[in-house]
């Protein structure tokens, strides 16, 4: 905060980063609701006073965790904004096999968070919904760029496939489950492609 002096702010940033790292690990391994704030403080390690100075509530911590995932490119949606990859390949990359050294399959963190905060008016659920709506807007822009017919409907179909594949991959423990959805996505893209002249 702007009211904190310079030296504590430097220390605070280190503490905040440790808190977010601890939260990310605990949320991924045991779930958000099963993780207590005291556990996060212990794993960070920081005092509870430091933890609550950065995050007044559990919801604040969860939203910061999700924002951190989004800003560091560690979500399914991050590939959609990569301008070094052609539009069609960005879409199909939603279904790519994770790297061999990737963490265990956890599904979509935004869907996971929304499921653990089911009240649609809660801050966490609202943020998760905004991210999933952003995902469909990004895919809509890409299929529009490709000249596909009915881009809004096609984008909804593609993100439904991606989210479903991520969820099933997590439940089944199969990181390569996206191959099934990728095959379906290719068919959808081919069928919606602009007709060639003549």
N, C-alpha and C. Protein backbone atom coordinates (compact mmCIF):
# COMPACT_ATOMS: atom_id res chain seq x y z
N UNK A 1 0.85 -1.19 0.00
CA UNK A 1 0.00 0.00 0.00
C UNK A 1 0.88 1.24 0.00
N UNK A 2 0.37 2.36 -0.44
CA UNK A 2 1.16 3.58 -0.55
C UNK A 2 1.51 4.17 0.81
N UNK A 3 0.82 3.74 1.87
CA UNK A 3 1.08 4.29 3.19
C UNK A 3 2.22 3.57 3.90
N UNK A 4 2.73 2.49 3.33
CA UNK A 4 3.80 1.72 3.96
C UNK A 4 5.13 2.32 3.56
N UNK A 5 6.09 2.36 4.49
CA UNK A 5 7.39 2.94 4.18
C UNK A 5 8.17 2.05 3.23
N UNK A 6 9.24 2.61 2.65
CA UNK A 6 9.97 1.93 1.58
C UNK A 6 10.55 0.59 2.00
N UNK A 7 11.24 0.53 3.12
CA UNK A 7 11.90 -0.72 3.52
C UNK A 7 10.92 -1.84 3.77
N UNK A 8 9.85 -1.63 4.57
CA UNK A 8 8.90 -2.71 4.74
C UNK A 8 8.24 -3.14 3.44
N UNK A 9 8.04 -2.19 2.49
CA UNK A 9 7.43 -2.57 1.22
C UNK A 9 8.32 -3.56 0.49
N UNK A 10 9.64 -3.35 0.53
CA UNK A 10 10.54 -4.30 -0.12
C UNK A 10 10.40 -5.68 0.53
N UNK A 11 10.39 -5.70 1.85
CA UNK A 11 10.24 -6.97 2.55
C UNK A 11 8.87 -7.56 2.26
N UNK A 12 7.85 -6.70 2.21
CA UNK A 12 6.49 -7.16 1.97
C UNK A 12 6.32 -7.83 0.63
N UNK A 13 6.99 -7.29 -0.39
CA UNK A 13 6.88 -7.93 -1.70
C UNK A 13 7.42 -9.35 -1.65
N UNK A 14 8.53 -9.55 -0.94
CA UNK A 14 9.06 -10.91 -0.81
C UNK A 14 8.09 -11.80 -0.07
N UNK A 15 7.48 -11.24 0.98
CA UNK A 15 6.50 -12.00 1.74
C UNK A 15 5.28 -12.31 0.89
N UNK A 16 4.83 -11.35 0.13
CA UNK A 16 3.66 -11.56 -0.73
C UNK A 16 3.93 -12.65 -1.75
N UNK A 17 5.11 -12.63 -2.34
CA UNK A 17 5.46 -13.66 -3.33
C UNK A 17 5.51 -15.04 -2.69
N UNK A 18 6.06 -15.11 -1.48
CA UNK A 18 6.10 -16.41 -0.78
C UNK A 18 4.69 -16.89 -0.43
N UNK A 19 3.84 -15.97 -0.03
CA UNK A 19 2.46 -16.34 0.29
C UNK A 19 1.76 -16.89 -0.95
N UNK A 20 1.90 -16.19 -2.08
CA UNK A 20 1.25 -16.64 -3.31
C UNK A 20 1.80 -17.99 -3.77
N UNK A 21 3.11 -18.19 -3.63
CA UNK A 21 3.70 -19.49 -4.00
C UNK A 21 3.17 -20.60 -3.11
N UNK A 22 3.08 -20.33 -1.82
CA UNK A 22 2.56 -21.33 -0.89
C UNK A 22 1.09 -21.62 -1.19
N UNK A 23 0.32 -20.57 -1.43
CA UNK A 23 -1.10 -20.76 -1.74
C UNK A 23 -1.27 -21.57 -3.02
N UNK A 24 -0.49 -21.26 -4.04
CA UNK A 24 -0.60 -21.99 -5.31
C UNK A 24 -0.36 -23.47 -5.10
N UNK A 25 0.67 -23.80 -4.33
CA UNK A 25 0.99 -25.21 -4.07
C UNK A 25 -0.13 -25.88 -3.28
N UNK A 26 -0.58 -25.25 -2.22
CA UNK A 26 -1.61 -25.85 -1.38
C UNK A 26 -2.95 -25.95 -2.08
N UNK A 27 -3.34 -24.91 -2.80
CA UNK A 27 -4.60 -24.95 -3.52
C UNK A 27 -4.60 -26.06 -4.56
N UNK A 28 -3.46 -26.24 -5.25
CA UNK A 28 -3.37 -27.27 -6.29
C UNK A 28 -3.38 -28.67 -5.71
N UNK A 29 -2.73 -28.85 -4.55
CA UNK A 29 -2.60 -30.21 -4.01
C UNK A 29 -3.76 -30.64 -3.13
N UNK A 30 -4.42 -29.68 -2.45
CA UNK A 30 -5.49 -30.11 -1.54
C UNK A 30 -6.80 -29.35 -1.71
N UNK A 31 -6.83 -28.39 -2.64
CA UNK A 31 -8.04 -27.64 -2.87
C UNK A 31 -8.07 -26.34 -2.08
N UNK A 32 -8.88 -25.42 -2.55
CA UNK A 32 -8.94 -24.10 -1.92
C UNK A 32 -9.61 -24.16 -0.56
N UNK A 33 -10.80 -24.76 -0.50
CA UNK A 33 -11.55 -24.76 0.76
C UNK A 33 -10.86 -25.60 1.83
N UNK A 34 -10.09 -26.59 1.42
CA UNK A 34 -9.39 -27.43 2.40
C UNK A 34 -8.12 -26.79 2.92
N UNK A 35 -7.73 -25.67 2.36
CA UNK A 35 -6.51 -24.97 2.77
C UNK A 35 -6.85 -23.82 3.69
N UNK A 36 -6.30 -23.84 4.89
CA UNK A 36 -6.53 -22.76 5.84
C UNK A 36 -5.48 -21.67 5.71
N UNK A 37 -5.83 -20.49 6.14
CA UNK A 37 -4.89 -19.37 6.08
C UNK A 37 -3.66 -19.65 6.94
N UNK A 38 -3.85 -20.33 8.06
CA UNK A 38 -2.72 -20.66 8.92
C UNK A 38 -1.73 -21.58 8.19
N UNK A 39 -2.27 -22.51 7.42
CA UNK A 39 -1.42 -23.40 6.62
C UNK A 39 -0.58 -22.61 5.63
N UNK A 40 -1.21 -21.65 4.98
CA UNK A 40 -0.51 -20.83 4.00
C UNK A 40 0.61 -20.06 4.69
N UNK A 41 0.31 -19.47 5.83
CA UNK A 41 1.33 -18.71 6.57
C UNK A 41 2.50 -19.61 6.95
N UNK A 42 2.20 -20.82 7.41
CA UNK A 42 3.26 -21.75 7.80
C UNK A 42 4.12 -22.17 6.62
N UNK A 43 3.47 -22.43 5.49
CA UNK A 43 4.22 -22.89 4.32
C UNK A 43 5.02 -21.77 3.69
N UNK A 44 4.61 -20.51 3.85
CA UNK A 44 5.24 -19.39 3.14
C UNK A 44 6.74 -19.19 3.40
N UNK A 45 7.33 -19.22 4.56
CA UNK A 45 6.72 -19.01 5.87
C UNK A 45 6.68 -17.52 6.19
N UNK A 46 5.54 -17.09 6.72
CA UNK A 46 5.39 -15.72 7.19
C UNK A 46 4.53 -15.76 8.45
N UNK A 47 4.55 -14.68 9.19
CA UNK A 47 3.67 -14.60 10.35
C UNK A 47 2.24 -14.39 9.88
N UNK A 48 1.30 -14.75 10.73
CA UNK A 48 -0.11 -14.52 10.38
C UNK A 48 -0.38 -13.01 10.21
N UNK A 49 0.34 -12.22 10.98
CA UNK A 49 0.17 -10.77 10.84
C UNK A 49 0.57 -10.32 9.43
N UNK A 50 1.70 -10.85 8.93
CA UNK A 50 2.13 -10.51 7.57
C UNK A 50 1.14 -11.01 6.54
N UNK A 51 0.65 -12.23 6.74
CA UNK A 51 -0.33 -12.79 5.80
C UNK A 51 -1.56 -11.89 5.71
N UNK A 52 -2.10 -11.52 6.85
CA UNK A 52 -3.33 -10.71 6.84
C UNK A 52 -3.07 -9.26 6.46
N UNK A 53 -1.83 -8.81 6.57
CA UNK A 53 -1.50 -7.47 6.08
C UNK A 53 -1.59 -7.41 4.56
N UNK A 54 -1.25 -8.52 3.92
CA UNK A 54 -1.32 -8.59 2.45
C UNK A 54 -2.70 -9.00 1.97
N UNK A 55 -3.33 -9.93 2.67
CA UNK A 55 -4.62 -10.48 2.23
C UNK A 55 -5.56 -10.52 3.43
N UNK A 56 -6.48 -9.58 3.46
CA UNK A 56 -7.36 -9.46 4.63
C UNK A 56 -8.29 -10.66 4.77
N UNK A 57 -8.65 -11.29 3.65
CA UNK A 57 -9.57 -12.42 3.69
C UNK A 57 -9.06 -13.55 2.80
N UNK A 58 -9.63 -14.70 2.98
CA UNK A 58 -9.31 -15.84 2.12
C UNK A 58 -9.69 -15.52 0.67
N UNK A 59 -10.82 -14.86 0.47
CA UNK A 59 -11.22 -14.49 -0.89
C UNK A 59 -10.19 -13.59 -1.55
N UNK A 60 -9.65 -12.65 -0.80
CA UNK A 60 -8.61 -11.77 -1.34
C UNK A 60 -7.41 -12.59 -1.81
N UNK A 61 -7.03 -13.58 -1.01
CA UNK A 61 -5.89 -14.43 -1.36
C UNK A 61 -6.19 -15.25 -2.61
N UNK A 62 -7.38 -15.82 -2.68
CA UNK A 62 -7.74 -16.65 -3.84
C UNK A 62 -7.74 -15.81 -5.11
N UNK A 63 -8.32 -14.62 -5.06
CA UNK A 63 -8.35 -13.76 -6.26
C UNK A 63 -6.93 -13.37 -6.66
N UNK A 64 -6.09 -13.02 -5.69
CA UNK A 64 -4.69 -12.68 -6.00
C UNK A 64 -3.98 -13.87 -6.63
N UNK A 65 -4.26 -15.06 -6.14
CA UNK A 65 -3.67 -16.28 -6.71
C UNK A 65 -4.10 -16.46 -8.16
N UNK A 66 -5.39 -16.28 -8.43
CA UNK A 66 -5.88 -16.43 -9.80
C UNK A 66 -5.32 -15.34 -10.71
N UNK A 67 -5.23 -14.12 -10.20
CA UNK A 67 -4.65 -13.03 -10.98
C UNK A 67 -3.19 -13.30 -11.29
N UNK A 68 -2.48 -13.88 -10.33
CA UNK A 68 -1.07 -14.22 -10.53
C UNK A 68 -0.93 -15.28 -11.62
N UNK A 69 -1.78 -16.31 -11.58
CA UNK A 69 -1.75 -17.33 -12.63
C UNK A 69 -2.00 -16.71 -14.00
N UNK A 70 -2.99 -15.83 -14.07
CA UNK A 70 -3.33 -15.22 -15.36
C UNK A 70 -2.21 -14.32 -15.87
N UNK A 71 -1.60 -13.55 -14.97
CA UNK A 71 -0.58 -12.58 -15.41
C UNK A 71 0.74 -13.24 -15.77
N UNK A 72 0.99 -14.43 -15.24
CA UNK A 72 2.25 -15.11 -15.52
C UNK A 72 2.13 -16.13 -16.66
N UNK A 73 0.96 -16.19 -17.29
CA UNK A 73 0.79 -17.08 -18.43
C UNK A 73 0.68 -18.55 -18.08
N UNK A 74 0.24 -18.85 -16.85
CA UNK A 74 0.17 -20.24 -16.41
C UNK A 74 -1.24 -20.82 -16.51
N UNK A 75 -2.06 -20.25 -17.38
CA UNK A 75 -3.41 -20.77 -17.55
C UNK A 75 -3.62 -21.20 -18.99
N UNK A 76 -4.66 -21.96 -19.18
CA UNK A 76 -5.01 -22.47 -20.50
C UNK A 76 -5.17 -21.34 -21.51
N UNK A 77 -5.72 -20.23 -21.04
CA UNK A 77 -6.03 -19.12 -21.93
C UNK A 77 -4.81 -18.37 -22.44
N UNK A 78 -3.67 -18.50 -21.78
CA UNK A 78 -2.52 -17.66 -22.11
C UNK A 78 -2.03 -17.84 -23.54
N UNK A 79 -2.18 -19.03 -24.10
CA UNK A 79 -1.70 -19.27 -25.46
C UNK A 79 -2.48 -18.46 -26.49
N UNK A 80 -3.68 -18.06 -26.15
CA UNK A 80 -4.54 -17.37 -27.11
C UNK A 80 -4.04 -15.99 -27.49
N UNK A 81 -3.19 -15.39 -26.66
CA UNK A 81 -2.68 -14.04 -26.95
C UNK A 81 -1.28 -14.06 -27.54
N UNK A 82 -0.73 -15.22 -27.82
CA UNK A 82 0.63 -15.32 -28.37
C UNK A 82 0.63 -14.99 -29.86
N UNK A 83 1.22 -13.86 -30.18
CA UNK A 83 1.19 -13.41 -31.57
C UNK A 83 2.23 -14.11 -32.44
N UNK A 84 3.10 -14.93 -31.84
CA UNK A 84 4.09 -15.67 -32.62
C UNK A 84 3.53 -16.98 -33.16
N UNK A 85 2.28 -17.27 -32.88
CA UNK A 85 1.64 -18.51 -33.33
C UNK A 85 0.44 -18.14 -34.19
N UNK A 86 0.24 -18.80 -35.35
CA UNK A 86 -0.94 -18.51 -36.18
C UNK A 86 -2.24 -18.74 -35.41
N UNK A 87 -3.29 -18.05 -35.83
CA UNK A 87 -4.56 -18.07 -35.10
C UNK A 87 -5.09 -19.49 -34.89
N UNK A 88 -5.11 -20.29 -35.95
CA UNK A 88 -5.66 -21.65 -35.82
C UNK A 88 -4.84 -22.47 -34.84
N UNK A 89 -3.51 -22.34 -34.89
CA UNK A 89 -2.66 -23.12 -33.98
C UNK A 89 -2.82 -22.66 -32.53
N UNK A 90 -3.12 -21.38 -32.32
CA UNK A 90 -3.39 -20.91 -30.96
C UNK A 90 -4.62 -21.61 -30.39
N UNK A 91 -5.64 -21.72 -31.23
CA UNK A 91 -6.86 -22.39 -30.77
C UNK A 91 -6.58 -23.85 -30.47
N UNK A 92 -5.90 -24.53 -31.37
CA UNK A 92 -5.62 -25.96 -31.17
C UNK A 92 -4.66 -26.20 -30.01
N UNK A 93 -3.85 -25.19 -29.68
CA UNK A 93 -2.93 -25.34 -28.55
C UNK A 93 -3.67 -25.43 -27.22
N UNK A 94 -4.95 -25.05 -27.19
CA UNK A 94 -5.75 -25.23 -25.98
C UNK A 94 -5.83 -26.70 -25.60
N UNK A 95 -5.59 -27.58 -26.55
CA UNK A 95 -5.74 -29.02 -26.33
C UNK A 95 -4.40 -29.75 -26.34
N UNK A 96 -3.31 -29.00 -26.27
CA UNK A 96 -1.97 -29.60 -26.38
C UNK A 96 -1.62 -30.41 -25.14
N UNK A 97 -0.79 -31.41 -25.35
CA UNK A 97 -0.28 -32.22 -24.25
C UNK A 97 0.66 -31.37 -23.40
N UNK A 98 0.50 -31.37 -22.07
CA UNK A 98 1.41 -30.59 -21.23
C UNK A 98 2.84 -31.09 -21.35
N UNK A 99 3.79 -30.24 -21.00
CA UNK A 99 5.19 -30.64 -21.00
C UNK A 99 5.40 -31.82 -20.07
N UNK A 100 6.40 -32.64 -20.38
CA UNK A 100 6.65 -33.85 -19.59
C UNK A 100 6.93 -33.54 -18.12
N UNK A 101 7.54 -32.37 -17.84
CA UNK A 101 7.88 -32.03 -16.46
C UNK A 101 6.82 -31.16 -15.80
N UNK A 102 5.65 -31.07 -16.42
CA UNK A 102 4.59 -30.23 -15.87
C UNK A 102 4.04 -30.85 -14.59
N UNK A 103 3.40 -30.01 -13.79
CA UNK A 103 2.76 -30.48 -12.56
C UNK A 103 1.61 -31.42 -12.91
N UNK A 104 1.15 -32.20 -11.93
CA UNK A 104 -0.01 -33.07 -12.19
C UNK A 104 -1.19 -32.28 -12.75
N UNK A 105 -2.02 -32.94 -13.52
CA UNK A 105 -3.15 -32.29 -14.17
C UNK A 105 -4.14 -31.82 -13.11
N UNK A 106 -4.47 -30.53 -13.14
CA UNK A 106 -5.37 -29.97 -12.13
C UNK A 106 -6.63 -29.37 -12.74
N UNK A 107 -6.78 -29.41 -14.05
CA UNK A 107 -7.94 -28.79 -14.66
C UNK A 107 -7.77 -27.28 -14.72
N UNK A 108 -8.86 -26.59 -14.99
CA UNK A 108 -8.84 -25.13 -15.10
C UNK A 108 -8.94 -24.50 -13.71
N UNK A 109 -7.98 -23.66 -13.31
CA UNK A 109 -8.05 -23.08 -11.97
C UNK A 109 -9.24 -22.16 -11.77
N UNK A 110 -9.73 -21.54 -12.85
CA UNK A 110 -10.89 -20.66 -12.73
C UNK A 110 -12.17 -21.46 -12.48
N UNK A 111 -12.30 -22.57 -13.19
CA UNK A 111 -13.46 -23.45 -12.96
C UNK A 111 -13.38 -24.05 -11.57
N UNK A 112 -12.19 -24.48 -11.17
CA UNK A 112 -12.01 -25.03 -9.83
C UNK A 112 -12.42 -24.01 -8.76
N UNK A 113 -11.97 -22.78 -8.93
CA UNK A 113 -12.29 -21.73 -7.94
C UNK A 113 -13.78 -21.44 -7.92
N UNK A 114 -14.40 -21.36 -9.10
CA UNK A 114 -15.84 -21.10 -9.14
C UNK A 114 -16.62 -22.22 -8.47
N UNK A 115 -16.15 -23.46 -8.63
CA UNK A 115 -16.83 -24.59 -8.00
C UNK A 115 -16.71 -24.53 -6.47
N UNK A 116 -15.57 -24.04 -5.99
CA UNK A 116 -15.37 -23.96 -4.54
C UNK A 116 -16.00 -22.71 -3.93
N UNK A 117 -16.35 -21.74 -4.77
CA UNK A 117 -17.07 -20.53 -4.33
C UNK A 117 -18.32 -20.44 -5.19
N UNK A 118 -19.33 -21.28 -4.92
CA UNK A 118 -20.47 -21.41 -5.83
C UNK A 118 -21.41 -20.21 -5.87
N UNK A 119 -21.36 -19.33 -4.89
CA UNK A 119 -22.23 -18.15 -4.91
C UNK A 119 -21.84 -17.28 -6.10
N UNK A 120 -22.72 -17.12 -7.09
CA UNK A 120 -22.34 -16.37 -8.30
C UNK A 120 -22.01 -14.91 -8.04
N UNK A 121 -22.42 -14.39 -6.87
CA UNK A 121 -22.13 -13.00 -6.54
C UNK A 121 -20.86 -12.84 -5.72
N UNK A 122 -20.22 -13.95 -5.34
CA UNK A 122 -18.98 -13.85 -4.56
C UNK A 122 -17.87 -13.28 -5.44
N UNK A 123 -16.91 -12.64 -4.80
CA UNK A 123 -15.81 -12.00 -5.54
C UNK A 123 -15.01 -13.03 -6.34
N UNK A 124 -14.76 -14.20 -5.75
CA UNK A 124 -13.98 -15.23 -6.44
C UNK A 124 -14.73 -15.75 -7.65
N UNK A 125 -16.00 -16.09 -7.46
CA UNK A 125 -16.80 -16.61 -8.57
C UNK A 125 -16.90 -15.57 -9.69
N UNK A 126 -17.08 -14.32 -9.30
CA UNK A 126 -17.18 -13.24 -10.29
C UNK A 126 -15.89 -13.12 -11.10
N UNK A 127 -14.75 -13.18 -10.43
CA UNK A 127 -13.47 -13.08 -11.14
C UNK A 127 -13.29 -14.28 -12.08
N UNK A 128 -13.61 -15.48 -11.59
CA UNK A 128 -13.49 -16.67 -12.43
C UNK A 128 -14.37 -16.56 -13.67
N UNK A 129 -15.59 -16.08 -13.47
CA UNK A 129 -16.50 -15.90 -14.61
C UNK A 129 -15.93 -14.91 -15.62
N UNK A 130 -15.36 -13.82 -15.13
CA UNK A 130 -14.76 -12.82 -16.04
C UNK A 130 -13.65 -13.43 -16.87
N UNK A 131 -12.85 -14.30 -16.27
CA UNK A 131 -11.76 -14.92 -17.01
C UNK A 131 -12.28 -15.89 -18.07
N UNK A 132 -13.34 -16.62 -17.75
CA UNK A 132 -13.90 -17.55 -18.73
C UNK A 132 -14.59 -16.78 -19.87
N UNK A 133 -15.17 -15.62 -19.55
CA UNK A 133 -15.75 -14.78 -20.62
C UNK A 133 -14.65 -14.17 -21.48
N UNK A 134 -13.53 -13.82 -20.86
CA UNK A 134 -12.39 -13.32 -21.63
C UNK A 134 -11.90 -14.40 -22.59
N UNK A 135 -11.87 -15.64 -22.13
CA UNK A 135 -11.41 -16.74 -22.97
C UNK A 135 -12.26 -16.84 -24.24
N UNK A 136 -13.58 -16.77 -24.08
CA UNK A 136 -14.43 -16.90 -25.27
C UNK A 136 -14.29 -15.68 -26.18
N UNK A 137 -14.05 -14.50 -25.60
CA UNK A 137 -13.81 -13.32 -26.46
C UNK A 137 -12.53 -13.48 -27.26
N UNK A 138 -11.49 -14.01 -26.65
CA UNK A 138 -10.23 -14.23 -27.37
C UNK A 138 -10.40 -15.24 -28.49
N UNK A 139 -11.12 -16.32 -28.22
CA UNK A 139 -11.33 -17.32 -29.27
C UNK A 139 -12.23 -16.76 -30.36
N UNK A 140 -13.23 -15.97 -29.99
CA UNK A 140 -14.09 -15.34 -31.00
C UNK A 140 -13.26 -14.47 -31.94
N UNK A 141 -12.33 -13.72 -31.38
CA UNK A 141 -11.47 -12.86 -32.21
C UNK A 141 -10.63 -13.71 -33.16
N UNK A 142 -10.13 -14.84 -32.68
CA UNK A 142 -9.28 -15.69 -33.52
C UNK A 142 -10.08 -16.34 -34.65
N UNK A 143 -11.26 -16.87 -34.35
CA UNK A 143 -12.03 -17.51 -35.42
C UNK A 143 -12.57 -16.47 -36.40
N UNK A 144 -12.80 -15.25 -35.91
CA UNK A 144 -13.18 -14.17 -36.82
C UNK A 144 -12.03 -13.85 -37.77
N UNK A 145 -10.82 -13.81 -37.20
CA UNK A 145 -9.63 -13.58 -38.03
C UNK A 145 -9.47 -14.65 -39.09
N UNK A 146 -9.85 -15.88 -38.75
CA UNK A 146 -9.75 -16.99 -39.71
C UNK A 146 -10.88 -16.94 -40.75
N UNK A 147 -11.85 -16.06 -40.56
CA UNK A 147 -12.97 -15.97 -41.51
C UNK A 147 -14.01 -17.05 -41.32
N UNK A 148 -14.05 -17.67 -40.15
CA UNK A 148 -15.00 -18.75 -39.90
C UNK A 148 -16.43 -18.22 -39.85
N UNK A 149 -17.36 -19.07 -40.28
CA UNK A 149 -18.77 -18.72 -40.19
C UNK A 149 -19.24 -18.79 -38.74
N UNK A 150 -20.19 -17.95 -38.39
CA UNK A 150 -20.80 -17.91 -37.06
C UNK A 150 -19.73 -17.96 -35.96
N UNK A 151 -18.85 -16.98 -35.93
CA UNK A 151 -17.72 -17.02 -35.00
C UNK A 151 -18.10 -17.08 -33.53
N UNK A 152 -19.16 -16.40 -33.13
CA UNK A 152 -19.53 -16.41 -31.71
C UNK A 152 -19.96 -17.80 -31.26
N UNK A 153 -20.78 -18.46 -32.06
CA UNK A 153 -21.22 -19.82 -31.71
C UNK A 153 -20.06 -20.79 -31.76
N UNK A 154 -19.21 -20.66 -32.77
CA UNK A 154 -18.04 -21.54 -32.89
C UNK A 154 -17.12 -21.37 -31.69
N UNK A 155 -16.89 -20.14 -31.26
CA UNK A 155 -16.03 -19.89 -30.11
C UNK A 155 -16.58 -20.56 -28.86
N UNK A 156 -17.89 -20.47 -28.65
CA UNK A 156 -18.50 -21.13 -27.49
C UNK A 156 -18.29 -22.64 -27.54
N UNK A 157 -18.43 -23.22 -28.73
CA UNK A 157 -18.21 -24.66 -28.88
C UNK A 157 -16.77 -25.03 -28.56
N UNK A 158 -15.83 -24.22 -29.04
CA UNK A 158 -14.41 -24.53 -28.83
C UNK A 158 -14.00 -24.39 -27.36
N UNK A 159 -14.48 -23.35 -26.69
CA UNK A 159 -14.10 -23.20 -25.28
C UNK A 159 -14.79 -24.25 -24.41
N UNK A 160 -15.98 -24.67 -24.80
CA UNK A 160 -16.64 -25.75 -24.07
C UNK A 160 -15.83 -27.03 -24.20
N UNK A 161 -15.32 -27.29 -25.39
CA UNK A 161 -14.43 -28.46 -25.58
C UNK A 161 -13.18 -28.34 -24.72
N UNK A 162 -12.56 -27.17 -24.72
CA UNK A 162 -11.31 -26.99 -23.97
C UNK A 162 -11.54 -27.15 -22.47
N UNK A 163 -12.59 -26.52 -21.95
CA UNK A 163 -12.87 -26.64 -20.52
C UNK A 163 -13.25 -28.07 -20.15
N UNK A 164 -14.04 -28.70 -21.00
CA UNK A 164 -14.43 -30.09 -20.73
C UNK A 164 -13.23 -31.02 -20.75
N UNK A 165 -12.34 -30.83 -21.70
CA UNK A 165 -11.14 -31.67 -21.79
C UNK A 165 -10.26 -31.47 -20.57
N UNK A 166 -10.09 -30.21 -20.13
CA UNK A 166 -9.26 -29.94 -18.96
C UNK A 166 -9.85 -30.59 -17.72
N UNK A 167 -11.17 -30.54 -17.58
CA UNK A 167 -11.82 -31.14 -16.41
C UNK A 167 -11.70 -32.66 -16.43
N UNK A 168 -11.94 -33.26 -17.59
CA UNK A 168 -11.85 -34.73 -17.67
C UNK A 168 -10.39 -35.20 -17.51
N UNK A 169 -9.45 -34.43 -18.04
CA UNK A 169 -8.04 -34.80 -17.86
C UNK A 169 -7.69 -34.84 -16.37
N UNK A 170 -8.22 -33.87 -15.60
CA UNK A 170 -7.95 -33.83 -14.17
C UNK A 170 -8.62 -35.01 -13.46
N UNK A 171 -9.89 -35.26 -13.76
CA UNK A 171 -10.61 -36.34 -13.08
C UNK A 171 -10.00 -37.69 -13.40
N UNK A 172 -9.62 -37.89 -14.66
CA UNK A 172 -9.09 -39.18 -15.08
C UNK A 172 -7.58 -39.31 -14.89
N UNK A 173 -6.92 -38.21 -14.55
CA UNK A 173 -5.47 -38.24 -14.40
C UNK A 173 -4.76 -38.53 -15.71
N UNK A 174 -5.33 -38.05 -16.80
CA UNK A 174 -4.79 -38.33 -18.14
C UNK A 174 -4.40 -37.01 -18.81
N UNK A 175 -3.12 -36.60 -18.73
CA UNK A 175 -2.71 -35.32 -19.31
C UNK A 175 -2.90 -35.24 -20.82
N UNK A 176 -3.00 -36.38 -21.48
CA UNK A 176 -3.17 -36.39 -22.94
C UNK A 176 -4.63 -36.46 -23.35
N UNK A 177 -5.54 -36.25 -22.41
CA UNK A 177 -6.96 -36.37 -22.74
C UNK A 177 -7.39 -35.33 -23.77
N UNK A 178 -6.68 -34.22 -23.85
CA UNK A 178 -7.02 -33.17 -24.80
C UNK A 178 -6.99 -33.60 -26.25
N UNK A 179 -6.35 -34.73 -26.54
CA UNK A 179 -6.27 -35.18 -27.94
C UNK A 179 -7.67 -35.44 -28.51
N UNK A 180 -8.60 -35.90 -27.69
CA UNK A 180 -9.96 -36.15 -28.16
C UNK A 180 -10.66 -34.84 -28.52
N UNK A 181 -10.52 -33.86 -27.65
CA UNK A 181 -11.14 -32.56 -27.91
C UNK A 181 -10.46 -31.87 -29.08
N UNK A 182 -9.15 -32.05 -29.22
CA UNK A 182 -8.44 -31.43 -30.36
C UNK A 182 -8.99 -31.96 -31.68
N UNK A 183 -9.25 -33.26 -31.75
CA UNK A 183 -9.80 -33.84 -32.98
C UNK A 183 -11.16 -33.23 -33.30
N UNK A 184 -11.98 -33.05 -32.26
CA UNK A 184 -13.29 -32.43 -32.47
C UNK A 184 -13.14 -30.96 -32.86
N UNK A 185 -12.19 -30.26 -32.26
CA UNK A 185 -11.96 -28.85 -32.57
C UNK A 185 -11.52 -28.69 -34.03
N UNK A 186 -10.69 -29.59 -34.51
CA UNK A 186 -10.25 -29.52 -35.90
C UNK A 186 -11.43 -29.67 -36.86
N UNK A 187 -12.34 -30.57 -36.53
CA UNK A 187 -13.52 -30.77 -37.37
C UNK A 187 -14.39 -29.51 -37.35
N UNK A 188 -14.59 -28.93 -36.17
CA UNK A 188 -15.38 -27.70 -36.07
C UNK A 188 -14.76 -26.58 -36.90
N UNK A 189 -13.45 -26.42 -36.80
CA UNK A 189 -12.77 -25.36 -37.54
C UNK A 189 -12.84 -25.60 -39.04
N UNK A 190 -12.63 -26.85 -39.45
CA UNK A 190 -12.71 -27.18 -40.88
C UNK A 190 -14.10 -26.90 -41.44
N UNK A 191 -15.13 -27.29 -40.68
CA UNK A 191 -16.52 -27.12 -41.16
C UNK A 191 -16.92 -25.66 -41.19
N UNK A 192 -16.30 -24.83 -40.34
CA UNK A 192 -16.65 -23.41 -40.29
C UNK A 192 -15.78 -22.55 -41.16
N UNK A 193 -14.77 -23.16 -41.78
CA UNK A 193 -13.83 -22.40 -42.60
C UNK A 193 -14.55 -21.76 -43.78
N UNK A 194 -14.07 -20.60 -44.21
CA UNK A 194 -14.73 -19.94 -45.36
C UNK A 194 -14.63 -20.83 -46.61
N UNK A 195 -15.70 -20.84 -47.38
CA UNK A 195 -15.69 -21.63 -48.61
C UNK A 195 -14.70 -21.03 -49.60
N UNK A 196 -13.97 -21.90 -50.29
CA UNK A 196 -13.02 -21.40 -51.28
C UNK A 196 -13.75 -21.02 -52.55
N UNK A 197 -13.21 -20.05 -53.21
CA UNK A 197 -13.85 -19.56 -54.46
C UNK A 197 -13.81 -20.64 -55.52
N UNK A 198 -14.84 -20.68 -56.33
CA UNK A 198 -14.90 -21.60 -57.45
C UNK A 198 -15.30 -22.98 -57.04
